[in-house]
């Protein structure tokens, strides 16, 4: 079946055919898209607001009306001025002008989640967009092809427009992946001629032209709107302290999964932290860095605990003992290990912003999760630890600090890389301080082991609960013929 006929089949429902027959080229369709004809990209919003704030007015019809529609400009006064929302968004221009992900998130946070900044007309406009997004998402189902709508935002533009026709989205997501990719590749010109000519339902040609006109115009902003609104909706329900299991709210869960939000959230915001704890995705606001000078949190002492206990039980059992026929099944305590480089770096960020500067000031140097962390120091070793403190006279390291992210209750289990282990042993041998700071990513609490290197260096193999080794292929020795 040709692609045009497969696309036409998504309108097979009688109600969809009836509505399609009434559709003309100039009939408007509702959308959840906040883009405007003259403000298609986020940088244009920043520049337009900057021009208005400076009085640099250009003469075209929607110079003021487009930003006024969402409440960034007061269109009722002369000369026009920025509203509180417009001023708040313009203040982000220097830091977010070329960061479309975070700029979109911050724009929506201002417009939808900041009280008292939207004018009544703008509030009505924004509510209509949000309600239509909800209507579109309600028609989705957890189909195998739904990931394509996130990977290829052009398909979100398509869904945005065909959602006006009963049953169209359900049939759209039921198409094969190959069909959806072929539809995505059509582009504006391809859609313009896709269903023209006889044999197609009345009105479909006009709809295809309408789709083509918006198919490649800031299509990624639909995805930004979807992800940002989902993140903001989730954030509204989070406790200020502690962690919660990540649950995608209705109707976002019809298109987005927890893994989708986990994989994408870091590009949009640092307001929240999401990690996988080997069982569920967890979310917290505790590690979000707040503006202003944060108060120095309390460091709670912890200590390294050698595992010196001997196994319990009997040393032997008679041949007829029932225990010999029992299954060897042990109950192990659940240990949640967070292996997430983003979370590790966030923990270092928080320590660098709160704990370490009051102690060390300008003498502090950060290496962890940075491009320089493999450069050897004067002693020939790589840094190992995430931070070190230099001596102002010699610029040599005189103290090392390792940051680890943990979750749960004391005691914590952590893992060390070879470089971290060797650095700790080296510090113990030469008498340098090596501190271990644990950041609880669920609660934002800090723990410190100040004598880490000395205690670690005294451990014997019988006191180490687990080690990691690497096995490779055996070398092949050449033999004489």
Protein backbone atom coordinates (compact mmCIF):
# COMPACT_ATOMS: atom_id res chain seq x y z
CA UNK A 1 0.00 0.00 0.00
CA UNK A 2 1.47 3.41 -0.93
CA UNK A 3 2.48 5.70 1.93
CA UNK A 4 -0.28 8.19 1.03
CA UNK A 5 -2.93 5.53 1.51
CA UNK A 6 -1.41 4.32 4.77
CA UNK A 7 -1.45 7.88 6.07
CA UNK A 8 -5.04 8.39 4.89
CA UNK A 9 -6.06 5.25 6.81
CA UNK A 10 -5.55 6.98 10.17
CA UNK A 11 -8.73 8.97 9.42
CA UNK A 12 -10.91 5.89 8.85
CA UNK A 13 -13.18 6.62 11.82
CA UNK A 14 -16.54 8.03 10.57
CA UNK A 15 -16.31 10.98 12.97
CA UNK A 16 -12.82 11.78 11.70
CA UNK A 17 -14.00 11.62 8.06
CA UNK A 18 -16.93 13.90 8.85
CA UNK A 19 -14.72 16.52 10.52
CA UNK A 20 -12.15 16.20 7.76
CA UNK A 21 -14.76 16.95 5.11
CA UNK A 22 -15.42 20.30 6.79
CA UNK A 23 -11.74 21.26 6.94
CA UNK A 24 -10.52 24.00 4.63
CA UNK A 25 -7.13 25.58 4.02
CA UNK A 26 -7.87 28.54 6.25
CA UNK A 27 -9.61 26.68 9.09
CA UNK A 28 -7.50 27.09 12.28
CA UNK A 29 -6.51 24.06 14.33
CA UNK A 30 -5.71 24.20 18.07
CA UNK A 31 -2.11 23.48 19.06
CA UNK A 32 0.01 23.32 22.21
CA UNK A 33 2.81 25.14 20.41
CA UNK A 34 4.00 28.42 22.00
CA UNK A 35 6.06 29.45 18.98
CA UNK A 36 4.93 32.47 17.02
CA UNK A 37 5.58 33.49 13.43
CA UNK A 38 8.26 36.00 14.43
CA UNK A 39 9.48 34.13 17.51
CA UNK A 40 10.20 30.69 16.21
CA UNK A 41 13.39 30.12 18.18
CA UNK A 42 14.26 30.86 21.81
CA UNK A 43 17.06 33.29 20.98
CA UNK A 44 14.51 35.42 19.10
CA UNK A 45 12.48 35.73 22.31
CA UNK A 46 15.51 36.98 24.23
CA UNK A 47 16.45 39.45 21.51
CA UNK A 48 12.90 40.74 21.07
CA UNK A 49 12.53 41.40 24.80
CA UNK A 50 15.93 43.08 24.86
CA UNK A 51 14.91 45.39 21.99
CA UNK A 52 11.64 46.31 23.68
CA UNK A 53 13.39 47.03 26.98
CA UNK A 54 15.78 49.41 25.16
CA UNK A 55 13.03 51.05 23.11
CA UNK A 56 14.45 49.71 19.84
CA UNK A 57 11.09 49.14 18.15
CA UNK A 58 10.75 47.63 14.69
CA UNK A 59 7.70 48.27 12.56
CA UNK A 60 5.93 45.01 11.92
CA UNK A 61 2.54 43.87 13.10
CA UNK A 62 3.45 41.19 15.63
CA UNK A 63 6.53 42.86 17.13
CA UNK A 64 4.63 43.38 20.39
CA UNK A 65 1.65 41.06 20.00
CA UNK A 66 3.58 37.78 19.94
CA UNK A 67 5.42 38.26 23.28
CA UNK A 68 2.30 39.91 24.72
CA UNK A 69 0.24 36.80 23.94
CA UNK A 70 2.16 34.80 26.54
CA UNK A 71 2.37 37.68 29.00
CA UNK A 72 5.95 38.86 28.53
CA UNK A 73 4.96 42.34 27.29
CA UNK A 74 2.20 44.68 28.45
CA UNK A 75 0.42 45.59 25.23
CA UNK A 76 -2.04 47.94 26.92
CA UNK A 77 0.35 50.77 27.81
CA UNK A 78 2.31 53.19 25.68
CA UNK A 79 5.19 52.84 25.33
CA UNK A 80 5.06 49.07 25.77
CA UNK A 81 7.00 47.66 28.68
CA UNK A 82 8.05 44.22 29.83
CA UNK A 83 5.87 42.56 32.42
CA UNK A 84 7.34 40.90 35.52
CA UNK A 85 7.46 37.67 33.54
CA UNK A 86 9.25 39.40 30.65
CA UNK A 87 11.80 40.96 32.98
CA UNK A 88 12.43 37.62 34.69
CA UNK A 89 13.00 35.84 31.39
CA UNK A 90 15.17 38.61 29.93
CA UNK A 91 17.38 38.40 33.03
CA UNK A 92 18.38 34.90 31.83
CA UNK A 93 19.55 36.12 28.41
CA UNK A 94 23.26 36.23 29.16
CA UNK A 95 23.37 32.73 30.62
CA UNK A 96 20.77 30.85 28.54
CA UNK A 97 20.65 32.56 25.16
CA UNK A 98 22.25 29.59 23.38
CA UNK A 99 20.91 26.88 25.68
CA UNK A 100 17.51 26.08 24.18
CA UNK A 101 16.76 23.23 26.60
CA UNK A 102 17.19 25.20 29.82
CA UNK A 103 15.79 28.39 28.28
CA UNK A 104 12.55 26.61 27.38
CA UNK A 105 12.30 25.08 30.84
CA UNK A 106 12.88 28.43 32.56
CA UNK A 107 10.40 30.19 30.27
CA UNK A 108 7.68 27.69 31.10
CA UNK A 109 8.55 27.81 34.80
CA UNK A 110 8.04 31.57 34.74
CA UNK A 111 4.86 31.47 32.68
CA UNK A 112 3.10 28.52 34.32
CA UNK A 113 4.59 28.04 37.76
CA UNK A 114 5.32 31.55 39.06
CA UNK A 115 2.34 33.12 40.76
CA UNK A 116 1.16 36.59 39.88
CA UNK A 117 3.18 37.19 36.70
CA UNK A 118 0.65 36.30 33.99
CA UNK A 119 -1.94 38.81 32.80
CA UNK A 120 -5.55 37.52 32.58
CA UNK A 121 -5.50 37.33 28.78
CA UNK A 122 -2.11 35.60 28.77
CA UNK A 123 -3.27 33.19 31.48
CA UNK A 124 -6.23 32.18 29.30
CA UNK A 125 -3.94 31.69 26.30
CA UNK A 126 -1.43 29.60 28.29
CA UNK A 127 -4.17 27.49 29.86
CA UNK A 128 -5.59 26.68 26.44
CA UNK A 129 -2.16 25.45 25.29
CA UNK A 130 -1.71 23.31 28.38
CA UNK A 131 -5.20 21.84 28.08
CA UNK A 132 -4.63 20.95 24.46
CA UNK A 133 -1.33 19.24 25.31
CA UNK A 134 -3.27 17.17 27.83
CA UNK A 135 -5.89 16.33 25.19
CA UNK A 136 -3.19 15.17 22.77
CA UNK A 137 -1.42 13.03 25.38
CA UNK A 138 -4.69 11.46 26.51
CA UNK A 139 -5.07 9.95 23.04
CA UNK A 140 -1.67 8.25 23.15
CA UNK A 141 -1.19 4.73 24.44
CA UNK A 142 1.97 2.85 25.52
CA UNK A 143 2.58 1.58 21.96
CA UNK A 144 5.99 0.21 20.89
CA UNK A 145 6.44 3.12 18.48
CA UNK A 146 5.91 5.95 20.95
CA UNK A 147 9.64 6.51 21.42
CA UNK A 148 9.79 7.71 17.81
CA UNK A 149 7.75 10.77 18.76
CA UNK A 150 10.49 11.74 21.20
CA UNK A 151 13.39 10.89 18.92
CA UNK A 152 11.82 12.68 15.93
CA UNK A 153 9.91 15.80 17.06
CA UNK A 154 8.45 16.28 13.57
CA UNK A 155 6.09 13.47 14.52
CA UNK A 156 4.98 15.50 17.54
CA UNK A 157 3.95 18.30 15.15
CA UNK A 158 1.96 15.72 13.22
CA UNK A 159 0.33 14.37 16.39
CA UNK A 160 -0.44 17.92 17.53
CA UNK A 161 -2.49 18.54 14.38
CA UNK A 162 -4.17 15.17 13.76
CA UNK A 163 -5.32 14.95 17.41
CA UNK A 164 -8.24 17.14 16.33
CA UNK A 165 -9.70 14.16 14.44
CA UNK A 166 -11.26 11.30 16.39
CA UNK A 167 -9.15 8.13 16.54
CA UNK A 168 -6.35 9.54 14.37
CA UNK A 169 -3.57 9.39 16.98
CA UNK A 170 -4.47 5.84 18.02
CA UNK A 171 -4.16 4.75 14.40
CA UNK A 172 -1.04 6.85 13.91
CA UNK A 173 0.87 5.17 16.75
CA UNK A 174 -0.25 1.76 15.48
CA UNK A 175 1.58 2.27 12.19
CA UNK A 176 4.87 0.45 11.81
CA UNK A 177 8.17 2.11 12.67
CA UNK A 178 9.10 2.09 8.96
CA UNK A 179 5.87 3.91 8.08
CA UNK A 180 6.43 6.55 10.74
CA UNK A 181 10.03 7.11 9.67
CA UNK A 182 8.89 7.45 6.03
CA UNK A 183 6.27 10.00 7.13
CA UNK A 184 8.89 11.88 9.13
CA UNK A 185 11.12 12.12 6.06
CA UNK A 186 8.43 13.73 3.89
CA UNK A 187 9.19 17.26 4.97
CA UNK A 188 7.16 20.28 3.93
CA UNK A 189 7.18 19.63 0.20
CA UNK A 190 6.41 15.95 0.64
CA UNK A 191 3.32 16.66 2.74
CA UNK A 192 2.10 19.34 0.33
CA UNK A 193 1.58 16.75 -2.42
CA UNK A 194 1.10 13.60 -0.31
CA UNK A 195 -2.68 13.20 -0.58
CA UNK A 196 -3.55 15.46 -3.49
CA UNK A 197 -5.69 14.19 -6.33
CA UNK A 198 -8.74 11.89 -6.49
CA UNK A 199 -9.30 8.92 -4.21
CA UNK A 200 -8.60 10.66 -0.89
CA UNK A 201 -11.12 11.88 1.69
CA UNK A 202 -12.38 15.43 1.27
CA UNK A 203 -10.29 17.88 3.22
CA UNK A 204 -7.24 15.62 3.59
CA UNK A 205 -5.27 17.49 0.95
CA UNK A 206 -5.87 20.78 2.83
CA UNK A 207 -4.85 19.14 6.12
CA UNK A 208 -1.63 17.80 4.60
CA UNK A 209 -0.77 21.28 3.36
CA UNK A 210 -1.43 22.62 6.85
CA UNK A 211 0.84 19.93 8.34
CA UNK A 212 3.56 20.69 5.80
CA UNK A 213 3.47 24.38 6.64
CA UNK A 214 4.40 23.70 10.28
CA UNK A 215 6.25 20.42 9.93
CA UNK A 216 9.79 21.78 10.04
CA UNK A 217 9.22 25.07 11.85
CA UNK A 218 10.75 24.87 15.32
CA UNK A 219 9.51 21.30 15.65
CA UNK A 220 11.93 20.57 18.51
CA UNK A 221 10.16 23.15 20.66
CA UNK A 222 7.19 20.79 20.90
CA UNK A 223 9.50 18.28 22.54
CA UNK A 224 10.93 20.95 24.87
CA UNK A 225 7.41 21.99 25.86
CA UNK A 226 6.44 18.38 26.57
CA UNK A 227 9.53 17.46 28.62
CA UNK A 228 9.67 20.78 30.50
CA UNK A 229 6.00 20.72 31.45
CA UNK A 230 6.34 17.14 32.67
CA UNK A 231 9.41 18.00 34.79
CA UNK A 232 7.72 21.08 36.24
CA UNK A 233 4.54 19.16 37.03
CA UNK A 234 6.56 16.49 38.83
CA UNK A 235 8.61 19.10 40.70
CA UNK A 236 5.49 20.76 42.08
CA UNK A 237 4.64 17.63 44.07
CA UNK A 238 8.11 16.87 45.45
CA UNK A 239 8.99 17.32 49.12
CA UNK A 240 11.59 19.98 49.85
CA UNK A 241 13.78 17.39 51.54
CA UNK A 242 14.24 13.68 50.95
CA UNK A 243 13.70 11.53 47.91
CA UNK A 244 10.65 9.96 46.30
CA UNK A 245 10.11 7.30 43.67
CA UNK A 246 9.83 8.88 40.25
CA UNK A 247 6.33 8.43 38.84
CA UNK A 248 5.29 10.03 35.55
CA UNK A 249 1.92 11.74 36.12
CA UNK A 250 -1.15 11.37 33.93
CA UNK A 251 -1.44 12.06 31.01
CA UNK A 252 2.34 12.41 30.42
CA UNK A 253 2.75 8.71 31.21
CA UNK A 254 0.92 7.86 27.96
CA UNK A 255 3.96 9.03 26.00
CA UNK A 256 6.85 9.37 28.48
CA UNK A 257 8.47 6.73 30.68
CA UNK A 258 10.61 7.16 33.80
CA UNK A 259 13.65 6.24 31.70
CA UNK A 260 12.81 8.98 29.18
CA UNK A 261 12.73 11.62 31.92
CA UNK A 262 15.88 10.23 33.58
CA UNK A 263 17.83 10.32 30.31
CA UNK A 264 16.71 13.84 29.37
CA UNK A 265 16.20 15.82 32.57
CA UNK A 266 19.78 16.95 33.09
CA UNK A 267 19.73 18.97 29.84
CA UNK A 268 16.73 20.97 31.04
CA UNK A 269 17.34 21.75 34.69
CA UNK A 270 19.41 21.37 37.84
CA UNK A 271 16.36 21.97 40.04
CA UNK A 272 16.02 18.24 40.60
CA UNK A 273 18.19 15.13 40.72
CA UNK A 274 17.12 11.77 39.31
CA UNK A 275 18.99 8.49 39.72
CA UNK A 276 18.43 4.75 39.48
CA UNK A 277 18.91 2.85 42.73
CA UNK A 278 18.95 -0.64 41.15
CA UNK A 279 15.22 -0.98 41.83
CA UNK A 280 13.42 2.26 40.93
CA UNK A 281 14.14 5.70 39.59
CA UNK A 282 14.38 8.15 42.49
CA UNK A 283 13.93 11.92 42.38
CA UNK A 284 14.91 14.62 44.83
CA UNK A 285 15.36 18.38 45.10
CA UNK A 286 17.99 18.01 47.83
CA UNK A 287 21.03 18.37 45.59
CA UNK A 288 19.70 21.29 43.58
CA UNK A 289 22.04 24.24 43.97
CA UNK A 290 20.02 27.24 45.08
CA UNK A 291 20.91 30.82 44.09
CA UNK A 292 22.69 32.96 46.64
CA UNK A 293 25.25 31.99 49.23
CA UNK A 294 24.12 28.72 50.80
CA UNK A 295 24.60 28.06 54.47
CA UNK A 296 27.43 25.68 55.34
CA UNK A 297 25.82 22.34 56.21
CA UNK A 298 26.85 20.14 59.10
CA UNK A 299 29.45 17.43 58.54
CA UNK A 300 28.53 14.24 60.40
CA UNK A 301 31.48 12.01 61.34
CA UNK A 302 31.69 8.44 60.05
CA UNK A 303 34.51 5.91 60.18
CA UNK A 304 35.78 3.06 58.06
CA UNK A 305 34.61 -0.28 59.51
CA UNK A 306 36.82 -3.33 58.80
CA UNK A 307 34.83 -6.52 58.20
CA UNK A 308 36.54 -8.70 60.82
CA UNK A 309 33.68 -11.00 61.84
CA UNK A 310 34.05 -14.73 61.28
CA UNK A 311 31.31 -16.71 59.48
CA UNK A 312 28.76 -18.29 61.83
CA UNK A 313 27.38 -21.87 61.80
CA UNK A 314 28.77 -25.35 62.37
CA UNK A 315 32.12 -26.44 61.03
CA UNK A 316 30.86 -29.85 59.79
CA UNK A 317 27.74 -31.97 59.48
CA UNK A 318 27.24 -35.80 59.43
CA UNK A 319 26.53 -37.41 56.01
CA UNK A 320 22.89 -37.96 56.99
CA UNK A 321 22.30 -34.41 58.23
CA UNK A 322 19.25 -32.74 56.64
CA UNK A 323 21.24 -29.60 55.99
CA UNK A 324 23.19 -31.44 53.31
CA UNK A 325 19.98 -31.90 51.28
CA UNK A 326 18.82 -28.31 51.73
CA UNK A 327 19.19 -25.73 48.99
CA UNK A 328 22.04 -23.35 49.50
CA UNK A 329 20.05 -20.13 49.53
CA UNK A 330 21.25 -17.21 51.56
CA UNK A 331 19.34 -14.05 52.34
CA UNK A 332 21.40 -11.04 51.52
CA UNK A 333 20.70 -7.53 52.70
CA UNK A 334 19.67 -5.18 49.93
CA UNK A 335 22.47 -2.80 49.03
CA UNK A 336 21.66 0.15 46.79
CA UNK A 337 24.67 1.33 44.84
CA UNK A 338 24.34 4.48 42.80
CA UNK A 339 26.49 4.28 39.67
CA UNK A 340 25.60 7.53 38.00
CA UNK A 341 28.28 9.97 36.78
CA UNK A 342 25.79 12.83 36.71
CA UNK A 343 24.88 12.27 40.36
CA UNK A 344 28.55 11.94 41.30
CA UNK A 345 29.33 15.25 39.66
CA UNK A 346 26.29 16.88 41.29
CA UNK A 347 27.55 15.71 44.70
CA UNK A 348 30.92 17.29 43.94
CA UNK A 349 29.18 20.50 42.84
CA UNK A 350 27.32 20.70 46.13
CA UNK A 351 30.45 20.06 48.18
CA UNK A 352 32.34 22.68 46.18
CA UNK A 353 29.57 25.23 46.73
CA UNK A 354 29.02 24.66 50.45
CA UNK A 355 31.48 22.53 52.43
CA UNK A 356 34.93 23.15 51.00
CA UNK A 357 35.34 26.91 50.26
CA UNK A 358 35.03 28.03 53.91
CA UNK A 359 37.87 25.65 54.79
CA UNK A 360 40.29 26.12 51.93
CA UNK A 361 39.34 29.20 49.92
CA UNK A 362 41.49 29.77 46.82
CA UNK A 363 43.80 26.88 47.74
CA UNK A 364 41.17 24.36 46.61
CA UNK A 365 41.64 22.68 43.21
CA UNK A 366 39.01 20.45 41.62
CA UNK A 367 39.92 17.49 39.43
CA UNK A 368 37.08 14.98 39.74
CA UNK A 369 34.95 14.42 36.62
CA UNK A 370 36.96 17.03 34.75
CA UNK A 371 39.21 16.76 31.72
CA UNK A 372 42.34 17.35 33.83
CA UNK A 373 41.78 14.46 36.21
CA UNK A 374 44.25 12.22 34.33
CA UNK A 375 47.15 14.69 34.43
CA UNK A 376 49.91 13.58 36.76
CA UNK A 377 50.80 15.71 39.77
CA UNK A 378 54.39 16.45 40.91
CA UNK A 379 54.66 13.06 42.62
CA UNK A 380 53.96 11.32 39.29
CA UNK A 381 50.54 9.97 40.29
CA UNK A 382 47.17 11.03 38.90
CA UNK A 383 45.12 13.08 41.38
CA UNK A 384 42.92 10.14 42.43
CA UNK A 385 40.75 12.26 44.71
CA UNK A 386 38.18 14.75 43.41
CA UNK A 387 39.78 17.78 45.09
CA UNK A 388 43.16 18.70 46.50
CA UNK A 389 44.50 21.62 48.48
CA UNK A 390 47.71 23.34 47.44
CA UNK A 391 50.41 25.02 49.47
CA UNK A 392 50.56 28.66 48.40
CA UNK A 393 54.34 28.73 48.61
CA UNK A 394 55.10 25.64 46.53
CA UNK A 395 51.79 24.95 44.73
CA UNK A 396 52.23 21.31 45.75
CA UNK A 397 49.21 19.32 47.01
CA UNK A 398 49.08 19.10 50.79
CA UNK A 399 45.64 17.53 51.28
CA UNK A 400 43.22 15.44 49.21
CA UNK A 401 39.42 15.20 49.39
CA UNK A 402 37.31 12.48 47.79
CA UNK A 403 33.55 12.99 47.34
CA UNK A 404 31.18 10.01 47.09
CA UNK A 405 27.42 10.02 46.52
CA UNK A 406 25.46 7.58 48.69
CA UNK A 407 21.86 6.88 49.58
CA UNK A 408 20.10 5.06 52.39
CA UNK A 409 21.12 4.63 56.01
CA UNK A 410 24.45 4.15 57.77
CA UNK A 411 26.49 2.03 57.15
CA UNK A 412 27.21 3.00 53.53
CA UNK A 413 28.99 0.83 50.99
CA UNK A 414 31.22 2.67 48.52
CA UNK A 415 33.58 1.60 45.76
CA UNK A 416 37.03 3.02 45.03
CA UNK A 417 38.80 3.25 41.72
CA UNK A 418 42.40 2.08 41.51
CA UNK A 419 43.59 5.71 41.33
CA UNK A 420 41.60 6.65 44.43
CA UNK A 421 42.90 3.63 46.35
CA UNK A 422 46.53 4.25 45.39
CA UNK A 423 46.26 7.95 46.23
CA UNK A 424 44.88 7.14 49.69
CA UNK A 425 47.70 4.66 50.33
CA UNK A 426 50.27 7.18 49.11
CA UNK A 427 48.88 9.86 51.41
CA UNK A 428 49.07 7.48 54.37
CA UNK A 429 52.70 6.65 53.58
CA UNK A 430 53.86 10.29 53.41
CA UNK A 431 51.54 11.64 56.09
CA UNK A 432 49.24 13.79 53.94
CA UNK A 433 45.61 14.24 54.92
CA UNK A 434 43.06 12.38 52.80
CA UNK A 435 39.39 13.05 53.71
CA UNK A 436 36.36 11.18 52.45
CA UNK A 437 33.11 13.17 52.29
CA UNK A 438 29.85 11.34 51.61
CA UNK A 439 26.89 13.24 50.15
CA UNK A 440 23.53 11.58 50.72
CA UNK A 441 21.77 12.29 47.43
CA UNK A 442 18.34 11.65 48.94
CA UNK A 443 18.58 13.98 51.92
CA UNK A 444 21.46 16.34 51.12
CA UNK A 445 23.25 15.37 54.35
CA UNK A 446 27.05 15.28 54.53
CA UNK A 447 29.27 12.71 56.29
CA UNK A 448 33.04 12.85 56.72
CA UNK A 449 35.77 10.31 57.42
CA UNK A 450 38.84 12.42 58.24
CA UNK A 451 41.20 9.50 58.89
CA UNK A 452 40.32 7.57 55.76
CA UNK A 453 43.78 7.04 54.27
CA UNK A 454 45.37 5.90 57.54
CA UNK A 455 42.58 3.40 58.29
CA UNK A 456 42.52 2.11 54.71
CA UNK A 457 46.27 1.51 54.66
CA UNK A 458 46.05 -0.70 57.78
CA UNK A 459 43.46 -3.07 56.32
CA UNK A 460 44.49 -6.64 55.64
CA UNK A 461 42.93 -8.83 53.00
CA UNK A 462 40.86 -10.63 55.62
CA UNK A 463 39.25 -7.32 56.53
CA UNK A 464 38.24 -6.34 52.98
CA UNK A 465 34.71 -7.35 52.12
CA UNK A 466 35.14 -7.15 48.35
CA UNK A 467 37.80 -6.36 45.78
CA UNK A 468 37.59 -5.89 42.02
CA UNK A 469 40.02 -7.52 39.60
CA UNK A 470 40.22 -7.55 35.82
CA UNK A 471 40.54 -10.71 33.72
CA UNK A 472 41.68 -10.61 30.12
CA UNK A 473 42.51 -13.07 27.44
CA UNK A 474 45.65 -15.15 28.05
CA UNK A 475 48.71 -14.16 26.07
CA UNK A 476 49.74 -16.49 23.21
CA UNK A 477 53.34 -17.65 23.32
CA UNK A 478 55.09 -18.34 20.06
CA UNK A 479 56.60 -21.81 19.80
CA UNK A 480 59.46 -22.88 17.62
CA UNK A 481 58.52 -25.01 14.66
